[in-house]
Amino acid sequence: YTMSRVLIVGAGLTGSLCACLLRREMASRVHIVVWDKARGAGGRMSTSRITNDGTCTADLGAQYITATTYYAQKHQSFYEELLACCILKPLTAPVEGMSIKEEGIRNFVTPQGVSSIVKHYLRESGAEVFFNHHVTQILLKGGKWEVCRKAGGAEQFDAVVLTMPVPQILQLQGDIDSLIDRSQRQKLEAVSYSSRYALGLFYKADKQIDVPWAAKYITNNPCIRFISIDNKKRNLELPGCGPSMVVHTSVPFGMQHLEKTVEEVEPLILKELQEVLPGLPEPLTTKCQKWRYSQVTQPVTGSPGQMTLISRPLLVCGGDGFTHSNLDGCIESALKVLEVLKCSL
């Protein structure tokens, strides 16, 4: 039999996990390709490098990994692998205002930045990974999917997995529009996400940020919801690296300013930051990021983990929009997508 060419759209956590699992389960039968519109891997698990040599970093997206007792057991093999590879380490630094929802919860940090989880799975997958590949339309051509991208040629695949945020799936042009049935479209249109801004601040090596915590939830500010001293949270002492700080805005602030540019929003956040933490040193540089799709507030009804839009040739969607927004939600989705791929190919 011939090798099936499988395209995974999105190099975030679900996409990278799908690629890795597919390789481990069906290595001899699939040729795996990953496309992502960004310049690098991670999606919402992105780590910003501020120095050219990549030593000074900050996580602008996901902040730490939380495992409930249920998922620590259910996904034990995943946690064991990431811990054994030193990609995850227990969170030991103090986080103020963290709500403890149940007993036995374990929190983890990523010493090399949260994108190291995604990069691990991409490495393991052996997939051909292409960045700056923004999928615009999907056409049915002779029993295969022809996938077109912005400013580039079209390529054909035997199966396509879409892992980008659900609203971006609905924006795709081509035959996908006429092929999705109405009830599926309605389910996808009902998915909603919260929005927020993140601001990374990077300081000179001789600067100190004198606070007794590594991260803190802020409850009484209309703009700022969370502050992390990123290097302290990850328990890092890097020579020549100054401290880095990450500020997450509240969702109401994010929604209110959603259509503004990051250049307009950054000064508003900096002004509030001076109120919350007076006397901060001047940062060497800053980076502001808009998360239009931050966390899923309303997943696909029933949280099925995946949705098969077309079964032959296979077009399947996955991601946290089909489960919930955290590591375990993405693992659940990737496992569901894998089942569909195994049955189909």
C-alpha atoms as a PDB file:
ATOM      1  CA  TYR A   1       0.000   0.000   0.000  1.00  0.00           C
ATOM      2  CA  THR A   2       1.080   3.589  -0.482  1.00  0.00           C
ATOM      3  CA  MET A   3       1.938   6.072   2.217  1.00  0.00           C
ATOM      4  CA  SER A   4      -0.868   8.475   3.074  1.00  0.00           C
ATOM      5  CA  ARG A   5       0.074  12.133   3.103  1.00  0.00           C
ATOM      6  CA  VAL A   6      -1.480  13.727   6.175  1.00  0.00           C
ATOM      7  CA  LEU A   7      -1.522  17.498   6.717  1.00  0.00           C
ATOM      8  CA  ILE A   8      -1.950  18.833  10.237  1.00  0.00           C
ATOM      9  CA  VAL A   9      -2.849  22.516  10.265  1.00  0.00           C
ATOM     10  CA  GLY A  10      -1.589  24.223  13.420  1.00  0.00           C
ATOM     11  CA  ALA A  11       1.658  23.669  15.342  1.00  0.00           C
ATOM     12  CA  GLY A  12       0.138  24.232  18.761  1.00  0.00           C
ATOM     13  CA  LEU A  13      -0.270  21.598  21.446  1.00  0.00           C
ATOM     14  CA  THR A  14      -3.050  19.566  19.785  1.00  0.00           C
ATOM     15  CA  GLY A  15      -1.413  19.627  16.355  1.00  0.00           C
ATOM     16  CA  SER A  16       2.019  18.622  17.663  1.00  0.00           C
ATOM     17  CA  LEU A  17       0.528  15.844  19.809  1.00  0.00           C
ATOM     18  CA  CYS A  18      -1.470  14.517  16.839  1.00  0.00           C
ATOM     19  CA  ALA A  19       1.712  14.421  14.756  1.00  0.00           C
ATOM     20  CA  CYS A  20       3.660  12.630  17.506  1.00  0.00           C
ATOM     21  CA  LEU A  21       0.947  10.055  18.253  1.00  0.00           C
ATOM     22  CA  LEU A  22       0.372   9.409  14.559  1.00  0.00           C
ATOM     23  CA  ARG A  23       4.076   8.720  14.085  1.00  0.00           C
ATOM     24  CA  ARG A  24       4.200   6.383  17.083  1.00  0.00           C
ATOM     25  CA  GLU A  25       1.129   4.415  16.038  1.00  0.00           C
ATOM     26  CA  MET A  26       1.326   4.404  12.239  1.00  0.00           C
ATOM     27  CA  ALA A  27       4.886   5.353  11.295  1.00  0.00           C
ATOM     28  CA  SER A  28       5.114   3.060   8.271  1.00  0.00           C
ATOM     29  CA  ARG A  29       1.855   4.219   6.733  1.00  0.00           C
ATOM     30  CA  VAL A  30       1.862   8.001   6.970  1.00  0.00           C
ATOM     31  CA  HIS A  31       3.895  10.922   5.736  1.00  0.00           C
ATOM     32  CA  ILE A  32       3.150  13.723   8.218  1.00  0.00           C
ATOM     33  CA  VAL A  33       3.287  17.412   7.292  1.00  0.00           C
ATOM     34  CA  VAL A  34       2.544  20.284   9.704  1.00  0.00           C
ATOM     35  CA  TRP A  35       1.730  23.823   8.564  1.00  0.00           C
ATOM     36  CA  ASP A  36       1.441  26.828  10.849  1.00  0.00           C
ATOM     37  CA  LYS A  37       0.829  30.455   9.950  1.00  0.00           C
ATOM     38  CA  ALA A  38       3.148  31.766  12.687  1.00  0.00           C
ATOM     39  CA  ARG A  39       6.933  32.090  12.588  1.00  0.00           C
ATOM     40  CA  GLY A  40       7.464  29.321  15.127  1.00  0.00           C
ATOM     41  CA  ALA A  41       5.893  26.489  17.096  1.00  0.00           C
ATOM     42  CA  GLY A  42       3.674  26.764  20.137  1.00  0.00           C
ATOM     43  CA  GLY A  43       0.376  28.416  19.260  1.00  0.00           C
ATOM     44  CA  ARG A  44      -1.038  29.626  22.576  1.00  0.00           C
ATOM     45  CA  MET A  45       1.833  27.788  24.270  1.00  0.00           C
ATOM     46  CA  SER A  46       4.265  30.328  22.883  1.00  0.00           C
ATOM     47  CA  THR A  47       7.540  31.404  24.424  1.00  0.00           C
ATOM     48  CA  SER A  48       8.982  34.761  23.363  1.00  0.00           C
ATOM     49  CA  ARG A  49      12.712  35.033  22.923  1.00  0.00           C
ATOM     50  CA  ILE A  50      13.907  38.530  23.497  1.00  0.00           C
ATOM     51  CA  THR A  51      17.630  38.103  22.830  1.00  0.00           C
ATOM     52  CA  ASN A  52      18.959  36.907  19.505  1.00  0.00           C
ATOM     53  CA  ASP A  53      20.738  33.992  21.160  1.00  0.00           C
ATOM     54  CA  GLY A  54      17.398  32.918  22.679  1.00  0.00           C
ATOM     55  CA  THR A  55      18.606  32.792  26.285  1.00  0.00           C
ATOM     56  CA  CYS A  56      16.175  35.328  27.776  1.00  0.00           C
ATOM     57  CA  THR A  57      12.611  34.186  27.323  1.00  0.00           C
ATOM     58  CA  ALA A  58       9.102  34.658  28.682  1.00  0.00           C
ATOM     59  CA  ASP A  59       5.859  32.727  28.261  1.00  0.00           C
ATOM     60  CA  LEU A  60       3.211  35.082  26.908  1.00  0.00           C
ATOM     61  CA  GLY A  61       0.519  32.378  26.654  1.00  0.00           C
ATOM     62  CA  ALA A  62      -0.063  29.413  28.974  1.00  0.00           C
ATOM     63  CA  GLN A  63       1.566  30.086  32.358  1.00  0.00           C
ATOM     64  CA  TYR A  64       1.786  26.745  34.142  1.00  0.00           C
ATOM     65  CA  ILE A  65       0.342  23.254  33.774  1.00  0.00           C
ATOM     66  CA  THR A  66      -2.263  22.022  36.245  1.00  0.00           C
ATOM     67  CA  ALA A  67      -3.090  18.332  36.586  1.00  0.00           C
ATOM     68  CA  THR A  68      -6.114  17.206  38.561  1.00  0.00           C
ATOM     69  CA  THR A  69      -5.937  13.801  40.258  1.00  0.00           C
ATOM     70  CA  TYR A  70      -8.238  12.410  37.551  1.00  0.00           C
ATOM     71  CA  TYR A  71      -6.097  13.508  34.614  1.00  0.00           C
ATOM     72  CA  ALA A  72      -2.754  12.883  36.350  1.00  0.00           C
ATOM     73  CA  GLN A  73      -3.876   9.253  36.396  1.00  0.00           C
ATOM     74  CA  LYS A  74      -5.690   9.144  33.047  1.00  0.00           C
ATOM     75  CA  HIS A  75      -2.817  10.790  31.172  1.00  0.00           C
ATOM     76  CA  GLN A  76      -0.072   9.417  33.409  1.00  0.00           C
ATOM     77  CA  SER A  77       2.126   8.259  30.511  1.00  0.00           C
ATOM     78  CA  PHE A  78       2.146  11.785  29.045  1.00  0.00           C
ATOM     79  CA  TYR A  79       3.141  13.407  32.344  1.00  0.00           C
ATOM     80  CA  GLU A  80       5.796  10.748  33.000  1.00  0.00           C
ATOM     81  CA  GLU A  81       7.373  11.316  29.586  1.00  0.00           C
ATOM     82  CA  LEU A  82       7.480  15.111  29.979  1.00  0.00           C
ATOM     83  CA  LEU A  83       8.884  14.842  33.514  1.00  0.00           C
ATOM     84  CA  ALA A  84      11.484  12.250  32.451  1.00  0.00           C
ATOM     85  CA  CYS A  85      12.638  14.596  29.653  1.00  0.00           C
ATOM     86  CA  CYS A  86      12.831  17.481  32.187  1.00  0.00           C
ATOM     87  CA  ILE A  87      10.336  19.425  30.058  1.00  0.00           C
ATOM     88  CA  LEU A  88       8.016  19.635  33.071  1.00  0.00           C
ATOM     89  CA  LYS A  89       9.142  20.254  36.631  1.00  0.00           C
ATOM     90  CA  PRO A  90       6.944  20.717  39.713  1.00  0.00           C
ATOM     91  CA  LEU A  91       5.963  24.344  40.388  1.00  0.00           C
ATOM     92  CA  THR A  92       7.644  25.190  43.681  1.00  0.00           C
ATOM     93  CA  ALA A  93       7.715  29.006  43.543  1.00  0.00           C
ATOM     94  CA  PRO A  94       4.943  30.868  45.418  1.00  0.00           C
ATOM     95  CA  VAL A  95       1.854  31.886  43.397  1.00  0.00           C
ATOM     96  CA  GLU A  96      -0.441  34.260  45.303  1.00  0.00           C
ATOM     97  CA  GLY A  97      -4.201  34.073  44.915  1.00  0.00           C
ATOM     98  CA  MET A  98      -4.278  30.743  43.060  1.00  0.00           C
ATOM     99  CA  SER A  99      -7.653  29.125  43.660  1.00  0.00           C
ATOM    100  CA  ILE A 100      -7.360  25.540  44.854  1.00  0.00           C
ATOM    101  CA  LYS A 101     -10.396  23.911  43.265  1.00  0.00           C
ATOM    102  CA  GLU A 102      -9.860  20.415  44.635  1.00  0.00           C
ATOM    103  CA  GLU A 103      -7.496  18.238  46.636  1.00  0.00           C
ATOM    104  CA  GLY A 104      -4.469  16.609  45.062  1.00  0.00           C
ATOM    105  CA  ILE A 105      -3.935  19.094  42.238  1.00  0.00           C
ATOM    106  CA  ARG A 106      -0.363  19.211  40.947  1.00  0.00           C
ATOM    107  CA  ASN A 107       1.130  22.210  39.151  1.00  0.00           C
ATOM    108  CA  PHE A 108       4.094  22.117  36.804  1.00  0.00           C
ATOM    109  CA  VAL A 109       6.323  24.655  35.081  1.00  0.00           C
ATOM    110  CA  THR A 110       8.446  24.389  31.936  1.00  0.00           C
ATOM    111  CA  PRO A 111      12.075  25.415  32.615  1.00  0.00           C
ATOM    112  CA  GLN A 112      12.740  26.010  28.893  1.00  0.00           C
ATOM    113  CA  GLY A 113       9.457  27.836  28.348  1.00  0.00           C
ATOM    114  CA  VAL A 114       6.031  26.421  27.649  1.00  0.00           C
ATOM    115  CA  SER A 115       6.679  26.053  23.910  1.00  0.00           C
ATOM    116  CA  SER A 116       9.223  23.335  24.812  1.00  0.00           C
ATOM    117  CA  ILE A 117       6.271  20.925  25.276  1.00  0.00           C
ATOM    118  CA  VAL A 118       5.098  21.542  21.713  1.00  0.00           C
ATOM    119  CA  LYS A 119       8.643  21.386  20.324  1.00  0.00           C
ATOM    120  CA  HIS A 120       9.201  18.047  22.066  1.00  0.00           C
ATOM    121  CA  TYR A 121       6.185  16.490  20.361  1.00  0.00           C
ATOM    122  CA  LEU A 122       7.110  17.966  16.972  1.00  0.00           C
ATOM    123  CA  ARG A 123      10.640  16.552  17.292  1.00  0.00           C
ATOM    124  CA  GLU A 124       9.251  13.161  18.263  1.00  0.00           C
ATOM    125  CA  SER A 125       6.861  13.199  15.305  1.00  0.00           C
ATOM    126  CA  GLY A 126       9.593  13.499  12.700  1.00  0.00           C
ATOM    127  CA  ALA A 127       7.061  15.515  10.711  1.00  0.00           C
ATOM    128  CA  GLU A 128       7.987  17.994   8.027  1.00  0.00           C
ATOM    129  CA  VAL A 129       7.116  21.278   9.725  1.00  0.00           C
ATOM    130  CA  PHE A 130       6.575  24.489   7.759  1.00  0.00           C
ATOM    131  CA  PHE A 131       6.056  27.916   9.311  1.00  0.00           C
ATOM    132  CA  ASN A 132       4.598  31.030   7.641  1.00  0.00           C
ATOM    133  CA  HIS A 133       2.135  28.654   5.957  1.00  0.00           C
ATOM    134  CA  HIS A 134      -1.311  30.217   6.316  1.00  0.00           C
ATOM    135  CA  VAL A 135      -4.061  27.945   4.961  1.00  0.00           C
ATOM    136  CA  THR A 136      -6.735  29.889   3.062  1.00  0.00           C
ATOM    137  CA  GLN A 137      -8.823  27.310   1.220  1.00  0.00           C
ATOM    138  CA  ILE A 138      -9.411  23.587   0.913  1.00  0.00           C
ATOM    139  CA  LEU A 139     -10.661  22.033  -2.332  1.00  0.00           C
ATOM    140  CA  LEU A 140     -11.747  18.498  -3.199  1.00  0.00           C
ATOM    141  CA  LYS A 141      -9.659  17.283  -6.157  1.00  0.00           C
ATOM    142  CA  GLY A 142      -9.827  13.715  -7.435  1.00  0.00           C
ATOM    143  CA  GLY A 143     -10.389  12.070  -4.064  1.00  0.00           C
ATOM    144  CA  LYS A 144      -7.759  14.175  -2.298  1.00  0.00           C
ATOM    145  CA  TRP A 145      -7.710  17.517  -0.521  1.00  0.00           C
ATOM    146  CA  GLU A 146      -5.971  20.351  -2.303  1.00  0.00           C
ATOM    147  CA  VAL A 147      -4.870  22.814   0.352  1.00  0.00           C
ATOM    148  CA  CYS A 148      -4.032  26.376  -0.673  1.00  0.00           C
ATOM    149  CA  ARG A 149      -2.043  28.849   1.371  1.00  0.00           C
ATOM    150  CA  LYS A 150      -1.471  32.580   1.388  1.00  0.00           C
ATOM    151  CA  ALA A 151       1.365  33.621  -0.930  1.00  0.00           C
ATOM    152  CA  GLY A 152       2.247  30.064  -1.863  1.00  0.00           C
ATOM    153  CA  GLY A 153       1.319  27.069  -3.975  1.00  0.00           C
ATOM    154  CA  ALA A 154      -1.330  24.429  -3.325  1.00  0.00           C
ATOM    155  CA  GLU A 155      -0.512  20.877  -2.249  1.00  0.00           C
ATOM    156  CA  GLN A 156      -2.505  17.654  -2.175  1.00  0.00           C
ATOM    157  CA  PHE A 157      -3.080  15.440   0.850  1.00  0.00           C
ATOM    158  CA  ASP A 158      -4.982  12.219   1.584  1.00  0.00           C
ATOM    159  CA  ALA A 159      -6.197  13.496   4.957  1.00  0.00           C
ATOM    160  CA  VAL A 160      -6.307  16.892   6.665  1.00  0.00           C
ATOM    161  CA  VAL A 161      -6.487  17.627  10.402  1.00  0.00           C
ATOM    162  CA  LEU A 162      -7.510  21.178  11.394  1.00  0.00           C
ATOM    163  CA  THR A 163      -6.400  22.210  14.898  1.00  0.00           C
ATOM    164  CA  MET A 164      -6.628  26.009  14.761  1.00  0.00           C
ATOM    165  CA  PRO A 165      -9.238  27.900  16.830  1.00  0.00           C
ATOM    166  CA  VAL A 166     -12.766  27.063  15.608  1.00  0.00           C
ATOM    167  CA  PRO A 167     -13.552  30.577  14.237  1.00  0.00           C
ATOM    168  CA  GLN A 168     -10.508  30.210  11.960  1.00  0.00           C
ATOM    169  CA  ILE A 169     -11.835  26.858  10.698  1.00  0.00           C
ATOM    170  CA  LEU A 170     -15.099  28.587   9.782  1.00  0.00           C
ATOM    171  CA  GLN A 171     -13.172  31.262   7.846  1.00  0.00           C
ATOM    172  CA  LEU A 172     -11.649  28.732   5.416  1.00  0.00           C
ATOM    173  CA  GLN A 173     -12.674  29.113   1.775  1.00  0.00           C
ATOM    174  CA  GLY A 174     -13.247  26.484  -0.885  1.00  0.00           C
ATOM    175  CA  ASP A 175     -15.299  23.285  -0.868  1.00  0.00           C
ATOM    176  CA  ILE A 176     -15.243  22.970   2.903  1.00  0.00           C
ATOM    177  CA  ASP A 177     -17.987  25.599   2.908  1.00  0.00           C
ATOM    178  CA  SER A 178     -20.472  23.574   0.860  1.00  0.00           C
ATOM    179  CA  LEU A 179     -19.470  20.205   2.328  1.00  0.00           C
ATOM    180  CA  ILE A 180     -20.038  20.876   6.045  1.00  0.00           C
ATOM    181  CA  ASP A 181     -23.597  19.958   6.977  1.00  0.00           C
ATOM    182  CA  ARG A 182     -25.804  22.491   8.725  1.00  0.00           C
ATOM    183  CA  SER A 183     -25.873  20.904  12.171  1.00  0.00           C
ATOM    184  CA  GLN A 184     -22.066  20.690  12.231  1.00  0.00           C
ATOM    185  CA  ARG A 185     -21.763  24.312  11.174  1.00  0.00           C
ATOM    186  CA  GLN A 186     -24.179  25.374  13.932  1.00  0.00           C
ATOM    187  CA  LYS A 187     -22.168  23.434  16.516  1.00  0.00           C
ATOM    188  CA  LEU A 188     -18.950  25.097  15.357  1.00  0.00           C
ATOM    189  CA  GLU A 189     -20.537  28.555  15.305  1.00  0.00           C
ATOM    190  CA  ALA A 190     -21.629  28.128  18.938  1.00  0.00           C
ATOM    191  CA  VAL A 191     -18.027  27.753  20.179  1.00  0.00           C
ATOM    192  CA  SER A 192     -16.752  30.832  22.004  1.00  0.00           C
ATOM    193  CA  TYR A 193     -13.430  32.031  23.399  1.00  0.00           C
ATOM    194  CA  SER A 194     -12.303  34.633  25.885  1.00  0.00           C
ATOM    195  CA  SER A 195      -9.853  37.310  24.691  1.00  0.00           C
ATOM    196  CA  ARG A 196      -7.031  39.005  26.527  1.00  0.00           C
ATOM    197  CA  TYR A 197      -3.743  40.791  26.027  1.00  0.00           C
ATOM    198  CA  ALA A 198      -0.373  39.670  27.344  1.00  0.00           C
ATOM    199  CA  LEU A 199       2.598  41.949  27.870  1.00  0.00           C
ATOM    200  CA  GLY A 200       6.155  40.708  28.306  1.00  0.00           C
ATOM    201  CA  LEU A 201       8.717  42.998  29.931  1.00  0.00           C
ATOM    202  CA  PHE A 202      12.416  42.221  29.815  1.00  0.00           C
ATOM    203  CA  TYR A 203      14.954  43.860  32.135  1.00  0.00           C
ATOM    204  CA  LYS A 204      18.712  44.377  32.195  1.00  0.00           C
ATOM    205  CA  ALA A 205      20.739  41.748  34.031  1.00  0.00           C
ATOM    206  CA  ASP A 206      21.505  44.066  36.965  1.00  0.00           C
ATOM    207  CA  LYS A 207      17.844  44.902  37.676  1.00  0.00           C
ATOM    208  CA  GLN A 208      15.838  43.451  40.565  1.00  0.00           C
ATOM    209  CA  ILE A 209      12.089  43.078  40.932  1.00  0.00           C
ATOM    210  CA  ASP A 210      11.429  43.004  44.653  1.00  0.00           C
ATOM    211  CA  VAL A 211       8.208  41.119  45.251  1.00  0.00           C
ATOM    212  CA  PRO A 212       7.720  38.153  47.611  1.00  0.00           C
ATOM    213  CA  TRP A 213       5.972  36.005  44.972  1.00  0.00           C
ATOM    214  CA  ALA A 214       6.810  34.433  41.618  1.00  0.00           C
ATOM    215  CA  ALA A 215       3.318  35.021  40.246  1.00  0.00           C
ATOM    216  CA  LYS A 216       0.158  36.645  41.529  1.00  0.00           C
ATOM    217  CA  TYR A 217      -3.504  36.823  40.615  1.00  0.00           C
ATOM    218  CA  ILE A 218      -4.726  40.434  40.833  1.00  0.00           C
ATOM    219  CA  THR A 219      -8.369  40.734  41.834  1.00  0.00           C
ATOM    220  CA  ASN A 220      -9.117  44.440  42.171  1.00  0.00           C
ATOM    221  CA  ASN A 221      -7.825  45.918  38.919  1.00  0.00           C
ATOM    222  CA  PRO A 222     -10.010  46.446  35.826  1.00  0.00           C
ATOM    223  CA  CYS A 223      -7.080  45.828  33.475  1.00  0.00           C
ATOM    224  CA  ILE A 224      -4.576  43.442  35.068  1.00  0.00           C
ATOM    225  CA  ARG A 225      -5.529  39.911  36.124  1.00  0.00           C
ATOM    226  CA  PHE A 226      -2.219  38.083  36.498  1.00  0.00           C
ATOM    227  CA  ILE A 227       1.471  38.961  36.857  1.00  0.00           C
ATOM    228  CA  SER A 228       4.329  36.513  36.657  1.00  0.00           C
ATOM    229  CA  ILE A 229       8.017  37.081  37.294  1.00  0.00           C
ATOM    230  CA  ASP A 230       8.647  34.536  34.596  1.00  0.00           C
ATOM    231  CA  ASN A 231      12.242  33.530  35.422  1.00  0.00           C
ATOM    232  CA  LYS A 232      11.343  33.174  39.112  1.00  0.00           C
ATOM    233  CA  LYS A 233       8.223  31.131  38.324  1.00  0.00           C
ATOM    234  CA  ARG A 234      10.342  28.751  36.258  1.00  0.00           C
ATOM    235  CA  ASN A 235      13.045  28.741  38.951  1.00  0.00           C
ATOM    236  CA  LEU A 236      15.722  29.923  36.521  1.00  0.00           C
ATOM    237  CA  GLU A 237      19.050  31.549  37.224  1.00  0.00           C
ATOM    238  CA  LEU A 238      20.579  32.357  33.852  1.00  0.00           C
ATOM    239  CA  PRO A 239      23.917  34.202  33.664  1.00  0.00           C
ATOM    240  CA  GLY A 240      23.620  37.479  31.764  1.00  0.00           C
ATOM    241  CA  CYS A 241      19.831  37.356  31.813  1.00  0.00           C
ATOM    242  CA  GLY A 242      17.781  39.933  33.616  1.00  0.00           C
ATOM    243  CA  PRO A 243      14.355  39.256  35.091  1.00  0.00           C
ATOM    244  CA  SER A 244      11.345  38.967  32.794  1.00  0.00           C
ATOM    245  CA  MET A 245       7.765  39.760  33.694  1.00  0.00           C
ATOM    246  CA  VAL A 246       4.516  38.722  32.052  1.00  0.00           C
ATOM    247  CA  VAL A 247       1.255  40.588  32.584  1.00  0.00           C
ATOM    248  CA  HIS A 248      -2.092  39.108  31.520  1.00  0.00           C
ATOM    249  CA  THR A 249      -5.070  41.434  31.255  1.00  0.00           C
ATOM    250  CA  SER A 250      -8.543  40.584  32.467  1.00  0.00           C
ATOM    251  CA  VAL A 251     -10.987  39.216  29.900  1.00  0.00           C
ATOM    252  CA  PRO A 252     -13.357  42.253  30.145  1.00  0.00           C
ATOM    253  CA  PHE A 253     -10.405  44.530  29.348  1.00  0.00           C
ATOM    254  CA  GLY A 254      -9.441  42.229  26.466  1.00  0.00           C
ATOM    255  CA  MET A 255     -12.970  42.249  25.043  1.00  0.00           C
ATOM    256  CA  GLN A 256     -13.283  46.024  25.435  1.00  0.00           C
ATOM    257  CA  HIS A 257     -10.078  46.720  23.493  1.00  0.00           C
ATOM    258  CA  LEU A 258     -10.177  43.724  21.138  1.00  0.00           C
ATOM    259  CA  GLU A 259     -10.174  45.694  17.881  1.00  0.00           C
ATOM    260  CA  LYS A 260      -7.434  48.109  18.938  1.00  0.00           C
ATOM    261  CA  THR A 261      -3.810  47.539  17.932  1.00  0.00           C
ATOM    262  CA  VAL A 262      -1.226  46.247  20.411  1.00  0.00           C
ATOM    263  CA  GLU A 263       0.539  49.615  20.030  1.00  0.00           C
ATOM    264  CA  GLU A 264      -2.597  51.346  21.362  1.00  0.00           C
ATOM    265  CA  VAL A 265      -3.161  48.870  24.195  1.00  0.00           C
ATOM    266  CA  GLU A 266       0.384  48.501  25.530  1.00  0.00           C
ATOM    267  CA  PRO A 267       0.557  52.000  27.135  1.00  0.00           C
ATOM    268  CA  LEU A 268      -2.775  51.341  28.897  1.00  0.00           C
ATOM    269  CA  ILE A 269      -1.378  48.159  30.464  1.00  0.00           C
ATOM    270  CA  LEU A 270       1.914  49.847  31.415  1.00  0.00           C
ATOM    271  CA  LYS A 271       0.020  52.658  33.138  1.00  0.00           C
ATOM    272  CA  GLU A 272      -1.998  50.172  35.230  1.00  0.00           C
ATOM    273  CA  LEU A 273       1.149  48.170  35.990  1.00  0.00           C
ATOM    274  CA  GLN A 274       2.698  51.285  37.567  1.00  0.00           C
ATOM    275  CA  GLU A 275      -0.359  51.466  39.849  1.00  0.00           C
ATOM    276  CA  VAL A 276      -0.218  47.786  40.814  1.00  0.00           C
ATOM    277  CA  LEU A 277       3.585  47.631  41.249  1.00  0.00           C
ATOM    278  CA  PRO A 278       4.913  51.167  41.794  1.00  0.00           C
ATOM    279  CA  GLY A 279       8.618  51.809  41.345  1.00  0.00           C
ATOM    280  CA  LEU A 280       9.370  49.134  38.756  1.00  0.00           C
ATOM    281  CA  PRO A 281      12.650  49.628  36.852  1.00  0.00           C
ATOM    282  CA  GLU A 282      12.524  50.652  33.179  1.00  0.00           C
ATOM    283  CA  PRO A 283      12.340  47.583  30.957  1.00  0.00           C
ATOM    284  CA  LEU A 284      15.004  47.014  28.337  1.00  0.00           C
ATOM    285  CA  THR A 285      12.304  45.959  25.895  1.00  0.00           C
ATOM    286  CA  THR A 286       8.638  44.915  25.867  1.00  0.00           C
ATOM    287  CA  LYS A 287       6.427  42.686  23.745  1.00  0.00           C
ATOM    288  CA  CYS A 288       2.644  42.941  23.635  1.00  0.00           C
ATOM    289  CA  GLN A 289       0.508  40.097  22.307  1.00  0.00           C
ATOM    290  CA  LYS A 290      -3.217  40.002  21.539  1.00  0.00           C
ATOM    291  CA  TRP A 291      -4.848  36.653  22.276  1.00  0.00           C
ATOM    292  CA  ARG A 292      -8.089  36.936  20.327  1.00  0.00           C
ATOM    293  CA  TYR A 293      -8.738  33.278  21.113  1.00  0.00           C
ATOM    294  CA  SER A 294      -7.371  32.840  24.618  1.00  0.00           C
ATOM    295  CA  GLN A 295      -9.393  30.144  26.349  1.00  0.00           C
ATOM    296  CA  VAL A 296     -12.489  28.224  25.300  1.00  0.00           C
ATOM    297  CA  THR A 297     -15.513  29.445  27.242  1.00  0.00           C
ATOM    298  CA  GLN A 298     -18.027  27.320  25.303  1.00  0.00           C
ATOM    299  CA  PRO A 299     -16.702  24.167  23.598  1.00  0.00           C
ATOM    300  CA  VAL A 300     -18.534  22.115  20.961  1.00  0.00           C
ATOM    301  CA  THR A 301     -21.608  20.598  22.643  1.00  0.00           C
ATOM    302  CA  GLY A 302     -20.746  17.398  24.448  1.00  0.00           C
ATOM    303  CA  SER A 303     -16.976  17.996  24.178  1.00  0.00           C
ATOM    304  CA  PRO A 304     -16.451  15.196  21.618  1.00  0.00           C
ATOM    305  CA  GLY A 305     -12.705  15.863  21.240  1.00  0.00           C
ATOM    306  CA  GLN A 306     -12.975  15.920  17.453  1.00  0.00           C
ATOM    307  CA  MET A 307     -15.446  16.498  14.635  1.00  0.00           C
ATOM    308  CA  THR A 308     -15.201  14.627  11.349  1.00  0.00           C
ATOM    309  CA  LEU A 309     -16.396  17.054   8.693  1.00  0.00           C
ATOM    310  CA  ILE A 310     -15.865  14.693   5.735  1.00  0.00           C
ATOM    311  CA  SER A 311     -14.957  11.030   6.105  1.00  0.00           C
ATOM    312  CA  ARG A 312     -13.587  10.296   2.596  1.00  0.00           C
ATOM    313  CA  PRO A 313     -11.126  11.847   1.990  1.00  0.00           C
ATOM    314  CA  LEU A 314     -10.780  12.539   5.689  1.00  0.00           C
ATOM    315  CA  LEU A 315     -11.193  16.093   6.956  1.00  0.00           C
ATOM    316  CA  VAL A 316     -11.247  16.173  10.748  1.00  0.00           C
ATOM    317  CA  CYS A 317     -11.024  19.007  13.313  1.00  0.00           C
ATOM    318  CA  GLY A 318      -9.569  18.914  16.796  1.00  0.00           C
ATOM    319  CA  GLY A 319      -8.234  21.213  19.470  1.00  0.00           C
ATOM    320  CA  ASP A 320      -9.380  22.633  22.780  1.00  0.00           C
ATOM    321  CA  GLY A 321     -12.546  23.978  21.116  1.00  0.00           C
ATOM    322  CA  PHE A 322     -13.721  20.346  21.180  1.00  0.00           C
ATOM    323  CA  THR A 323     -12.700  19.698  24.814  1.00  0.00           C
ATOM    324  CA  HIS A 324     -11.320  22.316  27.238  1.00  0.00           C
ATOM    325  CA  SER A 325      -8.365  24.700  27.345  1.00  0.00           C
ATOM    326  CA  ASN A 326      -5.447  23.017  29.043  1.00  0.00           C
ATOM    327  CA  LEU A 327      -2.845  20.305  28.474  1.00  0.00           C
ATOM    328  CA  ASP A 328      -5.331  17.532  29.279  1.00  0.00           C
ATOM    329  CA  GLY A 329      -7.982  18.962  26.953  1.00  0.00           C
ATOM    330  CA  CYS A 330      -5.457  18.921  24.114  1.00  0.00           C
ATOM    331  CA  ILE A 331      -4.322  15.365  24.948  1.00  0.00           C
ATOM    332  CA  GLU A 332      -7.970  14.196  24.935  1.00  0.00           C
ATOM    333  CA  SER A 333      -8.568  15.822  21.569  1.00  0.00           C
ATOM    334  CA  ALA A 334      -5.355  14.443  20.018  1.00  0.00           C
ATOM    335  CA  LEU A 335      -6.268  10.917  21.153  1.00  0.00           C
ATOM    336  CA  LYS A 336      -9.758  11.258  19.610  1.00  0.00           C
ATOM    337  CA  VAL A 337      -8.312  12.575  16.332  1.00  0.00           C
ATOM    338  CA  LEU A 338      -5.818   9.694  16.330  1.00  0.00           C
ATOM    339  CA  GLU A 339      -8.677   7.142  16.593  1.00  0.00           C
ATOM    340  CA  VAL A 340     -10.375   8.695  13.561  1.00  0.00           C
ATOM    341  CA  LEU A 341      -7.121   8.697  11.558  1.00  0.00           C
ATOM    342  CA  LYS A 342      -6.409   5.059  12.421  1.00  0.00           C
ATOM    343  CA  CYS A 343      -9.859   3.978  11.259  1.00  0.00           C
ATOM    344  CA  SER A 344      -9.649   6.039   8.084  1.00  0.00           C
ATOM    345  CA  LEU A 345      -6.131   5.443   6.751  1.00  0.00           C
END
